[in-house]
PDB file of N, CA and C in Angstrom:
ATOM      1  N   MET A   1       0.786  -1.179   0.215  1.00  0.00           N
ATOM      2  CA  MET A   1      -0.193  -0.195   0.226  1.00  0.00           C
ATOM      3  C   MET A   1       1.060   1.464   0.000  1.00  0.00           C
ATOM      4  N   SER A   2       0.335   1.945  -0.744  1.00  0.00           N
ATOM      5  CA  SER A   2       1.230   3.273  -0.570  1.00  0.00           C
ATOM      6  C   SER A   2       0.550   4.331   0.413  1.00  0.00           C
ATOM      7  N   THR A   3       1.845   5.323   0.482  1.00  0.00           N
ATOM      8  CA  THR A   3       1.680   6.409   2.059  1.00  0.00           C
ATOM      9  C   THR A   3       0.400   7.011   1.886  1.00  0.00           C
ATOM     10  N   PRO A   4      -0.017   7.381   0.921  1.00  0.00           N
ATOM     11  CA  PRO A   4      -0.719   8.457   0.622  1.00  0.00           C
ATOM     12  C   PRO A   4      -2.135   7.253   0.880  1.00  0.00           C
ATOM     13  N   PHE A   5      -2.142   5.845   0.564  1.00  0.00           N
ATOM     14  CA  PHE A   5      -3.269   5.188   0.926  1.00  0.00           C
ATOM     15  C   PHE A   5      -3.829   5.057   2.438  1.00  0.00           C
ATOM     16  N   VAL A   6      -2.219   4.502   2.862  1.00  0.00           N
ATOM     17  CA  VAL A   6      -2.558   4.663   4.543  1.00  0.00           C
ATOM     18  C   VAL A   6      -2.748   6.392   4.858  1.00  0.00           C
ATOM     19  N   GLY A   7      -2.518   6.894   4.635  1.00  0.00           N
ATOM     20  CA  GLY A   7      -2.839   8.055   5.111  1.00  0.00           C
ATOM     21  C   GLY A   7      -4.142   8.710   5.263  1.00  0.00           C
ATOM     22  N   MET A   8      -4.787   7.967   4.186  1.00  0.00           N
ATOM     23  CA  MET A   8      -6.411   8.144   3.480  1.00  0.00           C
ATOM     24  C   MET A   8      -7.586   7.520   4.866  1.00  0.00           C
ATOM     25  N   ILE A   9      -6.686   6.168   5.170  1.00  0.00           N
ATOM     26  CA  ILE A   9      -7.384   5.065   5.740  1.00  0.00           C
ATOM     27  C   ILE A   9      -7.419   5.768   7.213  1.00  0.00           C
ATOM     28  N   ALA A  10      -5.739   6.467   7.468  1.00  0.00           N
ATOM     29  CA  ALA A  10      -5.854   6.678   8.805  1.00  0.00           C
ATOM     30  C   ALA A  10      -7.050   8.108   9.212  1.00  0.00           C
ATOM     31  N   GLY A  11      -6.708   8.363   8.075  1.00  0.00           N
ATOM     32  CA  GLY A  11      -7.835   9.878   8.524  1.00  0.00           C
ATOM     33  C   GLY A  11      -9.617   9.663   8.275  1.00  0.00           C
ATOM     34  N   MET A  12      -9.578   8.637   7.905  1.00  0.00           N
ATOM     35  CA  MET A  12     -10.776   8.346   7.549  1.00  0.00           C
ATOM     36  C   MET A  12     -11.579   7.232   9.162  1.00  0.00           C
ATOM     37  N   ALA A  13     -10.626   6.427   9.875  1.00  0.00           N
ATOM     38  CA  ALA A  13     -10.834   6.030  10.724  1.00  0.00           C
ATOM     39  C   ALA A  13     -10.679   6.774  11.779  1.00  0.00           C
ATOM     40  N   LEU A  14      -9.535   7.874  11.907  1.00  0.00           N
ATOM     41  CA  LEU A  14     -10.333   8.985  12.731  1.00  0.00           C
ATOM     42  C   LEU A  14     -11.312   9.825  13.076  1.00  0.00           C
ATOM     43  N   ALA A  15     -12.206  10.219  11.576  1.00  0.00           N
ATOM     44  CA  ALA A  15     -13.057  11.008  11.219  1.00  0.00           C
ATOM     45  C   ALA A  15     -14.353  10.156  11.791  1.00  0.00           C
ATOM     46  N   PHE A  16     -14.494   8.555  11.840  1.00  0.00           N
ATOM     47  CA  PHE A  16     -15.317   7.842  12.035  1.00  0.00           C
ATOM     48  C   PHE A  16     -15.599   7.786  13.399  1.00  0.00           C
ATOM     49  N   ALA A  17     -14.584   7.530  13.659  1.00  0.00           N
ATOM     50  CA  ALA A  17     -14.422   7.652  15.771  1.00  0.00           C
ATOM     51  C   ALA A  17     -14.947   9.140  16.091  1.00  0.00           C
ATOM     52  N   GLY A  18     -14.275  10.201  15.374  1.00  0.00           N
ATOM     53  CA  GLY A  18     -14.994  11.204  16.308  1.00  0.00           C
ATOM     54  C   GLY A  18     -16.408  11.555  15.950  1.00  0.00           C
ATOM     55  N   TRP A  19     -16.735  11.099  14.464  1.00  0.00           N
ATOM     56  CA  TRP A  19     -18.620  11.004  14.283  1.00  0.00           C
ATOM     57  C   TRP A  19     -18.949  10.335  15.058  1.00  0.00           C
ATOM     58  N   PHE A  20     -18.854   8.984  15.460  1.00  0.00           N
ATOM     59  CA  PHE A  20     -19.852   7.969  15.963  1.00  0.00           C
ATOM     60  C   PHE A  20     -19.554   7.844  17.489  1.00  0.00           C
ATOM     61  N   GLY A  21     -18.558   8.586  18.392  1.00  0.00           N
ATOM     62  CA  GLY A  21     -17.733   8.402  19.231  1.00  0.00           C
ATOM     63  C   GLY A  21     -17.172   9.159  20.135  1.00  0.00           C
ATOM     64  N   GLY A  22     -17.163  10.390  19.447  1.00  0.00           N
ATOM     65  CA  GLY A  22     -16.769  11.800  20.030  1.00  0.00           C
ATOM     66  C   GLY A  22     -15.965  12.223  19.908  1.00  0.00           C
ATOM     67  N   PHE A  23     -15.212  13.188  21.092  1.00  0.00           N
ATOM     68  CA  PHE A  23     -13.781  13.517  20.811  1.00  0.00           C
ATOM     69  C   PHE A  23     -13.090  12.680  22.146  1.00  0.00           C
ATOM     70  N   GLY A  24     -13.939  11.696  22.723  1.00  0.00           N
ATOM     71  CA  GLY A  24     -12.630  10.837  23.630  1.00  0.00           C
ATOM     72  C   GLY A  24     -12.041   9.397  22.835  1.00  0.00           C
ATOM     73  N   ALA A  25     -12.873   9.091  22.031  1.00  0.00           N
ATOM     74  CA  ALA A  25     -12.647   7.838  21.026  1.00  0.00           C
ATOM     75  C   ALA A  25     -11.549   8.801  19.550  1.00  0.00           C
ATOM     76  N   PHE A  26     -11.994  10.278  19.246  1.00  0.00           N
ATOM     77  CA  PHE A  26     -11.197  10.637  18.606  1.00  0.00           C
ATOM     78  C   PHE A  26     -10.052  10.822  19.164  1.00  0.00           C
ATOM     79  N   LEU A  27      -9.078  10.355  20.420  1.00  0.00           N
ATOM     80  CA  LEU A  27      -8.087  10.890  20.465  1.00  0.00           C
ATOM     81  C   LEU A  27      -7.544   9.400  21.209  1.00  0.00           C
ATOM     82  N   LEU A  28      -8.622   8.305  21.721  1.00  0.00           N
ATOM     83  CA  LEU A  28      -8.259   7.781  21.369  1.00  0.00           C
ATOM     84  C   LEU A  28      -7.503   6.617  20.088  1.00  0.00           C
ATOM     85  N   VAL A  29      -8.384   6.838  18.788  1.00  0.00           N
ATOM     86  CA  VAL A  29      -8.130   6.117  18.064  1.00  0.00           C
ATOM     87  C   VAL A  29      -6.380   7.088  17.551  1.00  0.00           C
ATOM     88  N   ALA A  30      -6.558   8.108  17.154  1.00  0.00           N
ATOM     89  CA  ALA A  30      -5.428   8.616  17.343  1.00  0.00           C
ATOM     90  C   ALA A  30      -3.986   8.416  18.139  1.00  0.00           C
ATOM     91  N   ALA A  31      -3.777   8.117  19.431  1.00  0.00           N
ATOM     92  CA  ALA A  31      -3.303   7.917  20.164  1.00  0.00           C
ATOM     93  C   ALA A  31      -3.076   6.191  20.067  1.00  0.00           C
ATOM     94  N   LEU A  32      -3.529   5.449  19.468  1.00  0.00           N
ATOM     95  CA  LEU A  32      -2.798   4.130  19.373  1.00  0.00           C
ATOM     96  C   LEU A  32      -2.582   4.017  18.044  1.00  0.00           C
ATOM     97  N   GLY A  33      -3.011   4.987  17.331  1.00  0.00           N
ATOM     98  CA  GLY A  33      -2.833   4.881  15.356  1.00  0.00           C
ATOM     99  C   GLY A  33      -1.205   5.398  15.555  1.00  0.00           C
ATOM    100  N   ALA A  34      -0.667   6.790  16.727  1.00  0.00           N
ATOM    101  CA  ALA A  34       0.793   6.920  16.978  1.00  0.00           C
ATOM    102  C   ALA A  34       1.783   5.762  17.759  1.00  0.00           C
ATOM    103  N   LEU A  35       1.082   5.153  18.687  1.00  0.00           N
ATOM    104  CA  LEU A  35       1.626   3.896  18.606  1.00  0.00           C
ATOM    105  C   LEU A  35       2.254   3.015  18.112  1.00  0.00           C
ATOM    106  N   GLY A  36       0.783   2.475  17.157  1.00  0.00           N
ATOM    107  CA  GLY A  36       0.790   1.800  16.121  1.00  0.00           C
ATOM    108  C   GLY A  36       1.990   2.238  15.191  1.00  0.00           C
ATOM    109  N   TRP A  37       2.023   3.355  14.856  1.00  0.00           N
ATOM    110  CA  TRP A  37       2.804   4.227  13.866  1.00  0.00           C
ATOM    111  C   TRP A  37       4.212   3.559  14.593  1.00  0.00           C
ATOM    112  N   MET A  38       4.614   3.971  15.712  1.00  0.00           N
ATOM    113  CA  MET A  38       6.299   4.123  16.439  1.00  0.00           C
ATOM    114  C   MET A  38       6.654   2.382  16.501  1.00  0.00           C
ATOM    115  N   LEU A  39       5.657   1.505  16.778  1.00  0.00           N
ATOM    116  CA  LEU A  39       6.051  -0.005  16.790  1.00  0.00           C
ATOM    117  C   LEU A  39       6.185  -0.577  15.591  1.00  0.00           C
ATOM    118  N   GLY A  40       5.519  -0.142  14.681  1.00  0.00           N
ATOM    119  CA  GLY A  40       6.481  -0.080  12.734  1.00  0.00           C
ATOM    120  C   GLY A  40       7.234   0.466  12.774  1.00  0.00           C
ATOM    121  N   ARG A  41       7.534   1.843  12.849  1.00  0.00           N
ATOM    122  CA  ARG A  41       8.858   2.112  12.859  1.00  0.00           C
ATOM    123  C   ARG A  41      10.461   1.475  13.142  1.00  0.00           C
ATOM    124  N   TRP A  42      10.106   0.714  14.950  1.00  0.00           N
ATOM    125  CA  TRP A  42      10.774  -0.229  15.238  1.00  0.00           C
ATOM    126  C   TRP A  42      11.125  -1.114  14.737  1.00  0.00           C
ATOM    127  N   ALA A  43       9.684  -1.855  14.453  1.00  0.00           N
ATOM    128  CA  ALA A  43      10.132  -3.486  13.484  1.00  0.00           C
ATOM    129  C   ALA A  43      10.839  -3.119  12.552  1.00  0.00           C
ATOM    130  N   GLU A  44      10.430  -2.098  11.791  1.00  0.00           N
ATOM    131  CA  GLU A  44      10.771  -2.356  10.421  1.00  0.00           C
ATOM    132  C   GLU A  44      12.305  -1.564  10.092  1.00  0.00           C
ATOM    133  N   GLY A  45      13.362  -0.549  11.347  1.00  0.00           N
ATOM    134  CA  GLY A  45      14.105  -0.786  11.858  1.00  0.00           C
ATOM    135  C   GLY A  45      15.296  -1.619  12.512  1.00  0.00           C
ATOM    136  N   GLY A  46      14.406  -2.917  12.574  1.00  0.00           N
ATOM    137  CA  GLY A  46      15.491  -4.307  12.677  1.00  0.00           C
ATOM    138  C   GLY A  46      15.427  -4.352  14.758  1.00  0.00           C
ATOM    139  N   GLY A  47      14.139  -3.576  15.307  1.00  0.00           N
ATOM    140  CA  GLY A  47      14.061  -3.901  16.056  1.00  0.00           C
ATOM    141  C   GLY A  47      15.161  -2.913  17.626  1.00  0.00           C
ATOM    142  N   SER A  48      15.590  -1.959  17.148  1.00  0.00           N
ATOM    143  CA  SER A  48      16.757  -0.828  18.224  1.00  0.00           C
ATOM    144  C   SER A  48      15.971   0.608  17.266  1.00  0.00           C
ATOM    145  N   ILE A  49      15.444   1.160  18.896  1.00  0.00           N
ATOM    146  CA  ILE A  49      15.728   2.798  18.238  1.00  0.00           C
ATOM    147  C   ILE A  49      17.207   3.161  19.409  1.00  0.00           C
ATOM    148  N   ARG A  50      17.655   3.348  18.666  1.00  0.00           N
ATOM    149  CA  ARG A  50      19.004   3.921  19.519  1.00  0.00           C
ATOM    150  C   ARG A  50      18.647   5.234  20.559  1.00  0.00           C
ATOM    151  N   ASP A  51      18.145   6.223  20.067  1.00  0.00           N
ATOM    152  CA  ASP A  51      17.949   7.245  20.859  1.00  0.00           C
ATOM    153  C   ASP A  51      16.343   8.249  20.167  1.00  0.00           C
ATOM    154  N   VAL A  52      16.508   9.476  20.509  1.00  0.00           N
ATOM    155  CA  VAL A  52      15.195  10.246  20.292  1.00  0.00           C
ATOM    156  C   VAL A  52      15.647  11.055  18.363  1.00  0.00           C
ATOM    157  N   ARG A  53      16.950  11.060  18.264  1.00  0.00           N
ATOM    158  CA  ARG A  53      17.171  10.975  16.847  1.00  0.00           C
ATOM    159  C   ARG A  53      17.013  10.307  15.761  1.00  0.00           C
ATOM    160  N   ASP A  54      16.992   9.140  16.043  1.00  0.00           N
ATOM    161  CA  ASP A  54      16.355   8.168  15.068  1.00  0.00           C
ATOM    162  C   ASP A  54      14.782   8.740  14.713  1.00  0.00           C
ATOM    163  N   VAL A  55      14.247   8.763  15.679  1.00  0.00           N
ATOM    164  CA  VAL A  55      13.207   9.626  15.329  1.00  0.00           C
ATOM    165  C   VAL A  55      12.511  10.602  14.751  1.00  0.00           C
ATOM    166  N   ARG A  56      13.661  11.541  15.159  1.00  0.00           N
ATOM    167  CA  ARG A  56      13.518  12.767  14.293  1.00  0.00           C
ATOM    168  C   ARG A  56      13.985  12.339  12.916  1.00  0.00           C
ATOM    169  N   ASP A  57      14.986  11.580  12.581  1.00  0.00           N
ATOM    170  CA  ASP A  57      15.673  11.495  11.124  1.00  0.00           C
ATOM    171  C   ASP A  57      14.475  10.580  10.671  1.00  0.00           C
ATOM    172  N   ALA A  58      13.565   9.976  11.023  1.00  0.00           N
ATOM    173  CA  ALA A  58      12.653   9.346  10.539  1.00  0.00           C
ATOM    174  C   ALA A  58      11.522  10.208   9.866  1.00  0.00           C
ATOM    175  N   PHE A  59      11.536  11.563  10.546  1.00  0.00           N
ATOM    176  CA  PHE A  59      10.108  12.728  10.092  1.00  0.00           C
ATOM    177  C   PHE A  59      11.035  13.132   9.267  1.00  0.00           C
ATOM    178  N   GLU A  60      12.191  13.599   9.324  1.00  0.00           N
ATOM    179  CA  GLU A  60      13.027  14.725   7.987  1.00  0.00           C
ATOM    180  C   GLU A  60      12.689  13.555   6.915  1.00  0.00           C
ATOM    181  N   ARG A  61      13.163  12.327   6.917  1.00  0.00           N
ATOM    182  CA  ARG A  61      13.352  11.847   5.944  1.00  0.00           C
ATOM    183  C   ARG A  61      11.828  11.603   5.027  1.00  0.00           C
ATOM    184  N   SER A  62      10.830  11.572   5.782  1.00  0.00           N
ATOM    185  CA  SER A  62       9.704  11.290   5.199  1.00  0.00           C
ATOM    186  C   SER A  62       9.026  12.862   4.634  1.00  0.00           C
ATOM    187  N   ARG A  63       9.165  13.923   4.872  1.00  0.00           N
ATOM    188  CA  ARG A  63       9.332  15.088   4.145  1.00  0.00           C
ATOM    189  C   ARG A  63      10.256  15.586   2.584  1.00  0.00           C
ATOM    190  N   ARG A  64      11.189  14.718   2.702  1.00  0.00           N
ATOM    191  CA  ARG A  64      11.913  14.821   1.507  1.00  0.00           C
ATOM    192  C   ARG A  64      11.352  13.990   0.032  1.00  0.00           C
TER     193      ARG A  64
END
């Protein structure tokens, strides 16, 4: 799956959570999505995050 498609699915999940479950459900879905993203990046990188710079570098690489 492409990155824009995954982003669209995540946005739709947040929208449904906000619409049907209220703001609390929206925050829960957003927090769990962020946790899933972090675990995915960790697994993709071989299972080791050395420090905060690794997370920052992941954001910088995705902007280019």
